Amino acid sequence: MKAAIFEDLDQIVVRDIPEPKCGEDEAILKVEACAVCGSDIRIFHYGNERVKPPTVIGHEVSGVIVDVGEKVTRVKIGDRVALGADVPCGKCYWCQNGMGTNCRLNYAIGYQFPGGFQEYMLLNQTTLDYGPVTRITDSMSYEEAALAEPLACAINGFELSQFGLGKSICIIGLGPIGVMMLELTEVFGASRVFAAQRSKHRLDIARRFLPSARFISTEEEDLVETVMKETDGEGVDLAITAAGTVKAHEDAIKMVRHRGFVNLFGGLKNQPNLCIDSNLIHYKECFVMGSHGSLPRHHEKAVSLIDNGRVHARDYISKIFPLKDIREAFKYHESRKGLKVIVKPGL
């Protein structure tokens, strides 16, 4: 079978490898779609301590089950499924108490477990026992289903930030996951939505998904000043960063209201240190937190929202590439011309 092997930094090669064989507690997935994530690009360029080359990355995956071991009951041959990335170990304190994103083993598809940039992939026993393996309806395309993984991460971020009905929000950064957060504000019942982005091109794309939001070009307006002025000096209930910049994180803390939440969702690549006035946190009595990944229940909710048309996954797909052109897919993602890029191993 064909697989895109991540061999070293900036080196990924499509070549033939043996098809995986199914053990008694395992299953084989024929990969129909694997979306490119910013995390894949960071692994490609900078590596990750959980990823040991040579291996296959890619964690936004959907496909069909083509083989199952004799002890497997969770899935059957012919099931159409979407996969989340984060796989709880199922045995530690965090996993047994519903907080698997804090598991010390921190298993994930496309990290310790081979990912979706290949024609067939093995779903091991841990993934089948505890991981996000969600059946999809016949009406949902595989391309749409692959996008349930990033959507699940956004759902987890909103949930941990206690975001809900009647609350205000500012989303800083309108890449794919920032736009997903835009759509989620309607699902969660937001009262007012601010959305900030430097790139005019990204702003124009995002406007199509929630025209009622207040869009702020950070090249033309001061973000903190604008939000504070338009909330009568109160700030927002949730300031969440979907951009990996120091300024986004620092601005979020400045614009949050008293007793509000700041979610530092966007990870920082090279320089994670912030310069903040701790008195802002002290006197606002605000909550500064982070979130990453998702739990299987978030993935199930994400699949349901896409299936019910509450999140318009099809509209995120900008371009589809065959596996042999994976380097071109990565380049297109990095160009930021669109939102999501899909790799289809079967093309």
Protein backbone atom coordinates (compact mmCIF):
# COMPACT_ATOMS: atom_id res chain seq x y z
CA MET A 1 0.00 0.00 0.00
CA LYS A 2 1.00 3.66 -0.35
CA ALA A 3 1.94 5.71 2.71
CA ALA A 4 3.47 9.14 3.23
CA ILE A 5 6.42 8.44 5.51
CA PHE A 6 7.64 11.30 7.70
CA GLU A 7 11.35 10.46 7.68
CA ASP A 8 12.92 13.54 9.26
CA LEU A 9 12.42 17.28 9.52
CA ASP A 10 11.13 18.63 6.20
CA GLN A 11 11.26 15.14 4.69
CA ILE A 12 8.13 13.23 3.80
CA VAL A 13 8.16 10.55 1.07
CA VAL A 14 5.30 8.53 -0.44
CA ARG A 15 6.30 4.91 -0.88
CA ASP A 16 5.02 1.35 -0.72
CA ILE A 17 4.90 -0.33 2.68
CA PRO A 18 3.23 -3.58 3.82
CA GLU A 19 -0.46 -3.35 4.68
CA PRO A 20 -1.11 -3.59 8.44
CA LYS A 21 -2.31 -6.93 9.76
CA CYS A 22 -5.20 -7.15 12.18
CA GLY A 23 -4.78 -8.77 15.60
CA GLU A 24 -7.66 -10.26 17.57
CA ASP A 25 -8.33 -6.97 19.44
CA GLU A 26 -7.68 -4.65 16.49
CA ALA A 27 -9.30 -3.33 13.32
CA ILE A 28 -8.15 -2.05 9.94
CA LEU A 29 -9.43 1.26 8.57
CA LYS A 30 -9.31 2.11 4.88
CA VAL A 31 -8.54 5.81 4.98
CA GLU A 32 -10.88 7.83 2.78
CA ALA A 33 -9.88 11.32 3.93
CA CYS A 34 -7.25 12.92 6.15
CA ALA A 35 -7.27 16.69 6.60
CA VAL A 36 -4.08 18.67 7.00
CA CYS A 37 -3.75 20.40 10.38
CA GLY A 38 -1.37 23.12 11.47
CA SER A 39 0.03 20.59 13.94
CA ASP A 40 1.04 18.36 11.01
CA ILE A 41 2.95 21.26 9.50
CA ARG A 42 4.70 22.00 12.81
CA ILE A 43 5.70 18.32 13.13
CA PHE A 44 6.95 18.35 9.54
CA HIS A 45 9.16 21.39 10.10
CA TYR A 46 10.08 21.21 13.79
CA GLY A 47 9.29 17.69 15.02
CA ASN A 48 7.51 16.65 18.19
CA GLU A 49 8.75 14.60 21.14
CA ARG A 50 5.81 12.19 20.75
CA VAL A 51 6.54 11.56 17.05
CA LYS A 52 9.40 9.18 16.28
CA PRO A 53 10.37 9.05 12.56
CA PRO A 54 10.07 7.16 10.38
CA THR A 55 6.31 7.14 10.87
CA VAL A 56 2.99 8.29 9.39
CA ILE A 57 1.41 11.48 10.72
CA GLY A 58 -2.08 12.89 10.14
CA HIS A 59 -4.81 12.89 12.78
CA GLU A 60 -7.98 14.32 11.18
CA VAL A 61 -9.15 11.02 9.71
CA SER A 62 -12.21 9.27 8.33
CA GLY A 63 -12.71 6.01 6.51
CA VAL A 64 -14.36 2.60 6.43
CA ILE A 65 -13.62 -0.49 8.51
CA VAL A 66 -12.38 -3.30 6.25
CA ASP A 67 -11.22 -5.90 8.79
CA VAL A 68 -11.77 -6.65 12.49
CA GLY A 69 -10.25 -9.05 14.97
CA GLU A 70 -12.35 -11.84 16.43
CA LYS A 71 -12.61 -10.12 19.84
CA VAL A 72 -13.62 -6.70 18.49
CA THR A 73 -17.19 -5.60 19.23
CA ARG A 74 -17.01 -1.81 18.91
CA VAL A 75 -16.90 -1.75 15.10
CA LYS A 76 -17.72 -4.13 12.28
CA ILE A 77 -16.66 -4.46 8.66
CA GLY A 78 -18.38 -1.82 6.55
CA ASP A 79 -18.76 0.77 9.31
CA ARG A 80 -18.10 4.32 8.14
CA VAL A 81 -16.25 6.12 10.94
CA ALA A 82 -14.50 9.33 11.85
CA LEU A 83 -11.54 9.36 14.22
CA GLY A 84 -10.56 11.89 16.83
CA ALA A 85 -6.90 12.33 17.64
CA ASP A 86 -6.56 11.99 21.41
CA VAL A 87 -6.74 8.45 22.79
CA PRO A 88 -7.13 8.07 26.58
CA CYS A 89 -5.17 5.24 28.15
CA GLY A 90 -8.33 4.41 30.07
CA LYS A 91 -6.48 3.36 33.20
CA CYS A 92 -4.98 6.41 34.93
CA TYR A 93 -6.69 8.79 37.36
CA TRP A 94 -7.34 11.40 34.64
CA CYS A 95 -8.81 8.98 32.13
CA GLN A 96 -10.99 7.23 34.66
CA ASN A 97 -12.39 10.57 35.83
CA GLY A 98 -13.31 11.93 32.40
CA MET A 99 -10.26 14.16 31.93
CA GLY A 100 -8.31 12.11 29.42
CA THR A 101 -6.66 15.13 27.77
CA ASN A 102 -4.51 15.29 30.92
CA CYS A 103 -3.36 11.67 30.63
CA ARG A 104 0.39 11.48 31.17
CA LEU A 105 0.79 8.99 28.33
CA ASN A 106 -0.98 11.48 26.05
CA TYR A 107 -1.57 8.97 23.25
CA ALA A 108 -2.72 10.36 19.91
CA ILE A 109 -3.29 9.17 16.38
CA GLY A 110 -0.63 10.61 14.12
CA TYR A 111 1.74 10.90 17.07
CA GLN A 112 2.57 7.71 19.01
CA PHE A 113 0.06 5.80 16.86
CA PRO A 114 0.50 5.89 13.05
CA GLY A 115 -1.80 8.40 11.39
CA GLY A 116 -3.97 8.84 8.36
CA PHE A 117 -1.65 9.83 5.52
CA GLN A 118 -1.71 6.25 4.23
CA GLU A 119 -4.15 3.96 2.46
CA TYR A 120 -4.85 1.67 5.42
CA MET A 121 -4.24 2.17 9.12
CA LEU A 122 -4.36 -0.06 12.17
CA LEU A 123 -6.74 0.79 15.01
CA ASN A 124 -5.14 -0.82 18.04
CA GLN A 125 -6.88 -2.16 21.13
CA THR A 126 -6.40 1.04 23.17
CA THR A 127 -7.97 3.13 20.40
CA LEU A 128 -10.93 0.77 20.08
CA ASP A 129 -11.43 0.44 23.83
CA TYR A 130 -11.10 4.09 24.84
CA GLY A 131 -10.54 6.31 21.81
CA PRO A 132 -12.74 8.53 19.65
CA VAL A 133 -14.04 6.18 16.97
CA THR A 134 -17.41 7.57 15.90
CA ARG A 135 -19.78 6.10 13.34
CA ILE A 136 -21.01 8.49 10.66
CA THR A 137 -24.22 8.40 8.63
CA ASP A 138 -24.32 7.53 4.94
CA SER A 139 -25.30 11.14 4.19
CA MET A 140 -22.06 12.56 5.62
CA SER A 141 -19.09 12.68 3.28
CA TYR A 142 -15.73 11.40 4.45
CA GLU A 143 -14.25 14.84 3.81
CA GLU A 144 -16.76 16.46 6.18
CA ALA A 145 -16.28 13.72 8.77
CA ALA A 146 -12.53 14.30 8.91
CA LEU A 147 -13.20 17.83 10.19
CA ALA A 148 -14.94 16.55 13.31
CA GLU A 149 -11.53 16.27 14.98
CA PRO A 150 -10.64 19.99 15.03
CA LEU A 151 -14.25 20.87 15.79
CA ALA A 152 -14.10 18.60 18.84
CA CYS A 153 -11.07 20.54 20.11
CA ALA A 154 -13.01 23.79 19.81
CA ILE A 155 -15.96 22.26 21.69
CA ASN A 156 -13.63 21.19 24.50
CA GLY A 157 -12.21 24.72 24.67
CA PHE A 158 -15.66 26.28 25.00
CA GLU A 159 -16.75 23.73 27.57
CA LEU A 160 -13.72 24.19 29.80
CA SER A 161 -14.18 27.96 29.56
CA GLN A 162 -17.76 27.57 30.84
CA PHE A 163 -19.05 29.37 27.77
CA GLY A 164 -22.78 29.32 27.18
CA LEU A 165 -26.12 31.05 26.73
CA GLY A 166 -26.08 34.83 26.90
CA LYS A 167 -22.31 35.23 27.19
CA SER A 168 -20.05 37.41 25.06
CA ILE A 169 -16.86 36.27 23.36
CA CYS A 170 -13.89 37.52 21.40
CA ILE A 171 -12.15 35.02 19.12
CA ILE A 172 -8.62 36.11 18.23
CA GLY A 173 -7.45 34.44 15.04
CA LEU A 174 -9.68 33.27 12.18
CA GLY A 175 -7.91 30.30 10.71
CA PRO A 176 -9.91 27.07 10.32
CA ILE A 177 -10.42 26.44 14.03
CA GLY A 178 -11.17 30.10 14.76
CA VAL A 179 -13.91 29.98 12.12
CA MET A 180 -15.24 26.78 13.67
CA MET A 181 -15.42 28.65 16.97
CA LEU A 182 -17.44 31.34 15.17
CA GLU A 183 -20.05 28.78 14.18
CA LEU A 184 -20.03 27.29 17.66
CA THR A 185 -20.96 30.64 19.21
CA GLU A 186 -24.44 30.19 17.73
CA VAL A 187 -24.64 26.59 18.96
CA PHE A 188 -23.67 27.70 22.49
CA GLY A 189 -26.03 30.71 22.48
CA ALA A 190 -23.62 33.65 22.56
CA SER A 191 -25.08 37.11 23.10
CA ARG A 192 -22.32 39.01 21.32
CA VAL A 193 -19.40 37.89 19.18
CA PHE A 194 -16.21 39.77 18.35
CA ALA A 195 -13.82 38.17 15.88
CA ALA A 196 -10.32 39.50 15.22
CA GLN A 197 -7.82 38.79 12.47
CA ARG A 198 -4.90 40.59 10.86
CA SER A 199 -5.32 39.20 7.34
CA LYS A 200 -8.08 40.83 5.28
CA HIS A 201 -8.35 37.65 3.20
CA ARG A 202 -9.05 35.57 6.32
CA LEU A 203 -11.56 38.16 7.55
CA ASP A 204 -13.45 38.00 4.25
CA ILE A 205 -13.64 34.20 4.45
CA ALA A 206 -14.81 34.24 8.08
CA ARG A 207 -17.59 36.77 7.42
CA ARG A 208 -19.43 34.19 5.32
CA PHE A 209 -19.86 31.91 8.34
CA LEU A 210 -21.32 34.41 10.82
CA PRO A 211 -22.19 37.78 9.23
CA SER A 212 -23.69 39.08 12.49
CA ALA A 213 -20.34 39.03 14.33
CA ARG A 214 -18.31 42.20 14.87
CA PHE A 215 -15.21 41.63 12.76
CA ILE A 216 -12.07 43.55 13.70
CA SER A 217 -9.06 43.99 11.44
CA THR A 218 -6.13 44.23 13.81
CA GLU A 219 -4.19 46.06 11.08
CA GLU A 220 -6.75 48.87 11.12
CA GLU A 221 -8.12 48.91 14.67
CA ASP A 222 -6.70 48.47 18.15
CA LEU A 223 -8.28 45.22 19.28
CA VAL A 224 -8.38 45.78 23.04
CA GLU A 225 -9.49 49.41 22.70
CA THR A 226 -12.29 48.45 20.30
CA VAL A 227 -13.64 45.60 22.42
CA MET A 228 -13.55 47.65 25.62
CA LYS A 229 -15.21 50.64 23.99
CA GLU A 230 -18.00 48.60 22.42
CA THR A 231 -18.73 46.77 25.69
CA ASP A 232 -18.89 50.02 27.69
CA GLY A 233 -15.62 49.20 29.40
CA GLU A 234 -16.80 45.80 30.64
CA GLY A 235 -14.91 43.44 28.31
CA VAL A 236 -16.05 40.00 27.20
CA ASP A 237 -17.02 36.90 29.16
CA LEU A 238 -14.57 34.79 27.16
CA ALA A 239 -11.47 35.86 25.27
CA ILE A 240 -10.08 32.87 23.39
CA THR A 241 -6.95 32.78 21.26
CA ALA A 242 -7.04 30.78 18.06
CA ALA A 243 -3.77 32.39 17.01
CA GLY A 244 -0.34 31.35 18.21
CA THR A 245 1.09 34.79 18.98
CA VAL A 246 2.27 36.39 22.19
CA LYS A 247 0.26 39.55 21.47
CA ALA A 248 -2.98 37.56 21.06
CA HIS A 249 -2.48 36.01 24.49
CA GLU A 250 -1.61 39.31 26.13
CA ASP A 251 -4.55 41.13 24.50
CA ALA A 252 -6.95 38.40 25.66
CA ILE A 253 -6.06 39.05 29.29
CA LYS A 254 -6.53 42.80 28.83
CA MET A 255 -10.00 42.53 27.28
CA VAL A 256 -11.66 39.93 29.52
CA ARG A 257 -14.28 41.18 31.94
CA HIS A 258 -14.28 40.69 35.71
CA ARG A 259 -14.86 37.03 36.58
CA GLY A 260 -14.49 36.19 32.89
CA PHE A 261 -12.41 33.46 31.25
CA VAL A 262 -9.28 33.68 29.12
CA ASN A 263 -8.51 30.52 27.15
CA LEU A 264 -4.99 30.45 25.71
CA PHE A 265 -6.09 27.93 23.09
CA GLY A 266 -3.51 28.83 20.46
CA GLY A 267 -0.15 27.30 21.29
CA LEU A 268 3.04 29.35 20.94
CA LYS A 269 5.77 27.85 18.77
CA ASN A 270 9.12 29.24 19.78
CA GLN A 271 8.66 31.87 22.48
CA PRO A 272 5.99 30.87 25.01
CA ASN A 273 6.74 33.60 27.57
CA LEU A 274 4.23 36.42 28.07
CA CYS A 275 4.56 39.87 29.59
CA ILE A 276 1.42 40.52 31.61
CA ASP A 277 0.29 42.78 34.41
CA SER A 278 -0.63 40.26 37.10
CA ASN A 279 -2.79 42.88 38.79
CA LEU A 280 -5.20 42.61 35.86
CA ILE A 281 -5.83 39.00 36.82
CA HIS A 282 -5.78 39.78 40.55
CA TYR A 283 -8.34 42.59 40.52
CA LYS A 284 -10.54 41.24 37.75
CA GLU A 285 -10.77 37.88 39.53
CA CYS A 286 -10.65 36.38 36.06
CA PHE A 287 -9.69 32.85 35.14
CA VAL A 288 -6.73 32.31 32.81
CA MET A 289 -6.55 28.80 31.43
CA GLY A 290 -5.69 26.72 28.43
CA SER A 291 -7.16 23.78 26.58
CA HIS A 292 -5.97 21.28 24.02
CA GLY A 293 -7.33 18.23 22.29
CA SER A 294 -10.67 16.64 23.06
CA LEU A 295 -12.43 13.67 24.62
CA PRO A 296 -14.42 11.03 22.73
CA ARG A 297 -17.70 12.67 23.79
CA HIS A 298 -16.58 15.96 22.22
CA HIS A 299 -15.87 14.10 19.00
CA GLU A 300 -19.32 12.52 19.04
CA LYS A 301 -20.88 15.96 19.50
CA ALA A 302 -18.78 17.34 16.66
CA VAL A 303 -19.94 14.60 14.29
CA SER A 304 -23.55 15.29 15.30
CA LEU A 305 -23.23 19.05 14.70
CA ILE A 306 -21.81 18.46 11.23
CA ASP A 307 -24.44 15.84 10.42
CA ASN A 308 -27.26 18.15 11.53
CA GLY A 309 -25.93 21.10 9.55
CA ARG A 310 -25.16 23.26 12.59
CA VAL A 311 -21.53 23.43 11.48
CA HIS A 312 -21.03 23.67 7.72
CA ALA A 313 -17.99 21.45 7.33
CA ARG A 314 -18.28 21.21 3.55
CA ASP A 315 -17.71 24.97 3.26
CA TYR A 316 -14.31 24.69 4.97
CA ILE A 317 -12.83 22.42 2.30
CA SER A 318 -10.71 24.52 -0.03
CA LYS A 319 -8.79 21.87 -1.95
CA ILE A 320 -8.38 18.09 -2.20
CA PHE A 321 -5.08 16.37 -3.04
CA PRO A 322 -4.13 12.75 -3.74
CA LEU A 323 -1.63 11.18 -1.36
CA LYS A 324 1.15 11.36 -3.94
CA ASP A 325 0.92 15.16 -3.80
CA ILE A 326 1.11 15.48 -0.02
CA ARG A 327 3.98 17.97 -0.18
CA GLU A 328 1.83 20.18 -2.40
CA ALA A 329 -1.01 19.79 0.10
CA PHE A 330 1.28 21.00 2.87
CA LYS A 331 2.41 23.96 0.76
CA TYR A 332 -1.19 24.92 -0.01
CA HIS A 333 -2.07 24.78 3.68
CA GLU A 334 0.86 27.04 4.49
CA SER A 335 -0.19 29.52 1.80
CA ARG A 336 -3.33 30.29 3.84
CA LYS A 337 -5.33 30.71 0.66
CA GLY A 338 -8.21 28.67 2.02
CA LEU A 339 -9.35 26.96 5.21
CA LYS A 340 -8.95 23.17 5.10
CA VAL A 341 -6.98 20.92 2.80
CA ILE A 342 -7.94 17.26 2.43
CA VAL A 343 -5.66 14.40 1.40
CA LYS A 344 -7.44 11.39 -0.13
CA PRO A 345 -5.21 8.30 -0.29
CA GLY A 346 -7.58 6.60 -2.73
CA LEU A 347 -7.25 9.20 -5.49
